[in-house]
């Protein structure tokens, strides 16, 4: 499904705050559905909510939409530089990607994790980025490219997950 036009995004932004949860869940555009539900969860639960305080379905949306946006903006380097709200662990992100059926993005995420000892990025961002930057730039770029090439798949699969679990989100009314 194509990304929304600038006009569609502007209209959506104006309407988003007034939308009821059923209207959010009825959005046909995958990008807008994911974005609107992500925003709705944070509006209702608080922007500083702990992932452990969300339902499994809410946590999946918050985690994957947040991480997907970060990686789309600046690759895995942006992700590993940050202490990102909405991530319980980097390994859990890869598992959530796999659970919703993403292929390329899951494979890229596991490749990025494999750059670290025991496939576990260090808890301290300075240590994570030190290990990450020790990998040749070409290798890092190939992993980023694989994730970026699958970002449409991430939107599609996350939107499908949301539609399949619609009832889990009705409490956000």
Protein backbone atom coordinates (compact mmCIF):
# COMPACT_ATOMS: atom_id res chain seq x y z
CA UNK A 1 0.00 0.00 0.00
CA UNK A 2 1.48 3.41 -0.91
CA UNK A 3 2.47 5.91 1.73
CA UNK A 4 -0.03 8.73 2.25
CA UNK A 5 0.47 11.96 0.33
CA UNK A 6 1.43 15.16 2.13
CA UNK A 7 -2.19 16.32 1.89
CA UNK A 8 -3.42 13.05 3.40
CA UNK A 9 -0.89 13.34 6.22
CA UNK A 10 -1.91 16.93 6.97
CA UNK A 11 -5.59 15.97 7.04
CA UNK A 12 -4.83 12.93 9.21
CA UNK A 13 -2.80 15.04 11.65
CA UNK A 14 -5.69 17.49 12.07
CA UNK A 15 -8.21 14.68 12.61
CA UNK A 16 -6.11 12.27 14.69
CA UNK A 17 -6.74 13.86 18.07
CA UNK A 18 -10.51 13.77 17.53
CA UNK A 19 -10.72 10.20 16.25
CA UNK A 20 -12.42 7.53 18.32
CA UNK A 21 -10.70 4.17 18.69
CA UNK A 22 -13.05 2.49 16.20
CA UNK A 23 -12.24 5.18 13.64
CA UNK A 24 -8.53 4.67 14.26
CA UNK A 25 -8.84 0.91 13.84
CA UNK A 26 -10.89 1.37 10.64
CA UNK A 27 -8.10 3.30 8.87
CA UNK A 28 -7.31 1.54 5.60
CA UNK A 29 -3.86 2.98 5.00
CA UNK A 30 -1.32 0.78 6.83
CA UNK A 31 1.01 3.66 7.71
CA UNK A 32 -1.79 5.82 9.10
CA UNK A 33 -3.26 2.90 11.07
CA UNK A 34 0.07 2.08 12.72
CA UNK A 35 0.87 5.71 13.43
CA UNK A 36 -2.58 6.57 14.78
CA UNK A 37 -2.71 3.55 17.08
CA UNK A 38 0.85 4.15 18.32
CA UNK A 39 -0.09 7.75 19.12
CA UNK A 40 -3.35 6.66 20.75
CA UNK A 41 -1.55 4.19 23.02
CA UNK A 42 0.92 6.86 24.16
CA UNK A 43 -1.87 9.42 24.57
CA UNK A 44 -3.81 7.02 26.82
CA UNK A 45 -0.96 5.32 28.68
CA UNK A 46 1.50 8.23 28.87
CA UNK A 47 4.59 8.89 26.78
CA UNK A 48 6.85 7.58 29.54
CA UNK A 49 4.92 4.33 30.03
CA UNK A 50 7.02 1.24 30.66
CA UNK A 51 6.66 -1.48 28.07
CA UNK A 52 5.97 -3.92 30.91
CA UNK A 53 2.88 -1.88 31.87
CA UNK A 54 1.27 -2.36 28.44
CA UNK A 55 -0.71 -5.31 27.18
CA UNK A 56 1.21 -7.64 24.87
CA UNK A 57 -0.59 -6.20 21.82
CA UNK A 58 0.01 -2.59 22.88
CA UNK A 59 3.67 -3.34 23.63
CA UNK A 60 4.13 -4.87 20.18
CA UNK A 61 2.76 -1.76 18.46
CA UNK A 62 4.74 0.70 20.60
CA UNK A 63 7.96 -1.26 20.36
CA UNK A 64 7.90 -1.98 16.62
CA UNK A 65 6.57 1.37 15.44
CA UNK A 66 9.08 3.24 17.57
CA UNK A 67 12.04 1.09 16.56
CA UNK A 68 11.01 1.03 12.90
CA UNK A 69 10.89 4.82 12.79
CA UNK A 70 14.29 5.17 14.44
CA UNK A 71 15.96 2.73 12.05
CA UNK A 72 14.24 4.27 9.02
CA UNK A 73 15.59 7.67 10.08
CA UNK A 74 19.19 6.72 10.80
CA UNK A 75 19.82 3.03 10.53
CA UNK A 76 20.82 0.73 13.35
CA UNK A 77 23.39 3.28 14.49
CA UNK A 78 20.55 5.59 15.63
CA UNK A 79 18.95 2.68 17.45
CA UNK A 80 22.12 1.58 19.22
CA UNK A 81 23.10 5.15 20.14
CA UNK A 82 19.84 5.73 21.97
CA UNK A 83 18.21 4.46 25.10
CA UNK A 84 14.85 4.03 23.45
CA UNK A 85 11.54 4.11 25.27
CA UNK A 86 9.41 1.17 24.24
CA UNK A 87 12.16 -1.42 23.97
CA UNK A 88 12.29 -4.08 26.65
CA UNK A 89 15.38 -5.60 24.99
CA UNK A 90 16.87 -5.59 21.52
CA UNK A 91 16.43 -9.36 21.30
CA UNK A 92 12.74 -8.95 22.20
CA UNK A 93 12.35 -6.52 19.27
CA UNK A 94 13.67 -9.16 16.87
CA UNK A 95 11.32 -11.74 18.38
CA UNK A 96 8.34 -9.37 17.99
CA UNK A 97 9.28 -8.75 14.34
CA UNK A 98 9.38 -12.50 13.78
CA UNK A 99 6.06 -13.02 15.59
CA UNK A 100 4.18 -10.65 13.28
CA UNK A 101 5.68 -12.34 10.22
CA UNK A 102 8.35 -9.91 9.02
CA UNK A 103 11.04 -11.56 6.93
CA UNK A 104 13.59 -8.98 5.75
CA UNK A 105 13.36 -6.73 8.78
CA UNK A 106 13.68 -9.69 11.16
CA UNK A 107 16.70 -11.03 9.28
CA UNK A 108 18.32 -7.59 9.29
CA UNK A 109 17.66 -7.18 13.01
CA UNK A 110 19.25 -10.55 13.81
CA UNK A 111 22.26 -9.63 11.64
CA UNK A 112 22.62 -6.39 13.59
CA UNK A 113 22.42 -8.30 16.88
CA UNK A 114 25.07 -10.74 15.63
CA UNK A 115 27.55 -7.84 15.59
CA UNK A 116 27.60 -7.96 19.40
CA UNK A 117 29.06 -10.53 21.79
CA UNK A 118 26.50 -13.28 22.41
CA UNK A 119 24.06 -11.40 20.12
CA UNK A 120 23.29 -9.08 23.04
CA UNK A 121 23.95 -5.35 22.70
CA UNK A 122 25.43 -3.89 25.87
CA UNK A 123 23.04 -2.06 28.20
CA UNK A 124 25.18 1.09 28.08
CA UNK A 125 24.72 3.01 24.84
CA UNK A 126 28.40 4.03 24.72
CA UNK A 127 29.44 0.38 24.77
CA UNK A 128 26.80 -0.59 22.20
CA UNK A 129 27.93 2.07 19.76
CA UNK A 130 31.62 1.27 20.31
CA UNK A 131 31.01 -2.36 19.30
CA UNK A 132 28.76 -1.34 16.44
CA UNK A 133 31.21 1.17 14.97
CA UNK A 134 34.01 -1.41 15.11
CA UNK A 135 32.21 -3.25 12.30
CA UNK A 136 33.15 -2.12 8.76
CA UNK A 137 30.88 0.63 7.43
CA UNK A 138 30.01 -1.44 4.35
CA UNK A 139 28.68 -4.29 6.51
CA UNK A 140 26.63 -1.90 8.66
CA UNK A 141 25.19 -0.23 5.56
CA UNK A 142 24.20 -3.60 4.05
CA UNK A 143 22.29 -4.47 7.22
CA UNK A 144 20.61 -1.04 7.24
CA UNK A 145 19.69 -1.44 3.58
CA UNK A 146 18.11 -4.84 4.23
CA UNK A 147 15.97 -3.34 7.00
CA UNK A 148 15.05 -0.30 4.90
CA UNK A 149 14.08 -2.54 1.97
CA UNK A 150 11.69 -4.35 4.32
CA UNK A 151 10.15 -1.28 5.95
CA UNK A 152 7.01 -1.54 3.79
CA UNK A 153 6.72 -5.12 4.98
CA UNK A 154 6.95 -3.92 8.59
CA UNK A 155 4.09 -1.47 8.05
CA UNK A 156 1.99 -4.11 6.30
CA UNK A 157 2.61 -6.83 8.89
CA UNK A 158 2.12 -4.51 11.87
CA UNK A 159 -1.12 -3.21 10.37
CA UNK A 160 -2.23 -6.81 9.84
CA UNK A 161 -1.38 -7.59 13.47
CA UNK A 162 -3.44 -4.59 14.59
CA UNK A 163 -6.42 -5.65 12.46
CA UNK A 164 -6.22 -9.25 13.70
CA UNK A 165 -6.09 -8.08 17.32
CA UNK A 166 -8.62 -5.27 17.02
CA UNK A 167 -10.43 -6.28 20.21
CA UNK A 168 -7.23 -5.90 22.22
CA UNK A 169 -7.20 -2.16 21.45
CA UNK A 170 -10.84 -1.29 22.15
CA UNK A 171 -9.91 -0.45 25.76
CA UNK A 172 -8.18 2.66 24.35
CA UNK A 173 -11.56 4.33 23.79
